């Protein structure tokens, strides 16, 4: 009788052990999944903050500085090519945009030579695709007048181009806007940066 009782107790202890182990593994799996989700959410939030910081810094550089050529000249737009530019700035003074500078910026950023676009991105110190434009604050439409009255004041690659022409998938889109002056008129300078996949 005692052998039977020990056998039943051993079986029930074994069942309890298996159930306890199964519950432990389920709780461990749920805990790891929750932790992994939180880590991924924090990583995504940090990437968004970095993207926002890149957009803000690039826009500040564009509308608050004159830019500089590798030879130290503030008239970088007169350089022989994008390779001779240290960094791009569009301002005469803080937030006063010079037409000659924006025209050269548009020329480089919208060039059919993909290398010029990539170099322009590098000169803006952003690791993202970008689209820059000057916006009429009353209509929220892109200003005309760069480099002539019929052309739009925009540079870089729009979302539709990145998706349709280059076949990229857009992850996140961040916009940064600042008030500036162009041709004596108050305008909004806007940069959009795209994290592509």
Foldseek 3Di string as FASTA:
>chain_A
DVVVVVVVVVVVVVVVVVVVVVVVVVVVVVVVVVVVVVVVVVVVVVVVVVQQVLQVQLVQQAQAALFAFCVGDSPNLPDPALVRGQAAYQYPHHQEGELSRLLSLQCQQVPPPVVSVVSNCVRSVDPFFKKKFKADPVPRDFAAPRVHRHHGSMGTDDPCCCCPVVVWAWDDKDKDWDWGHYPNHIIIIMMITTDTD
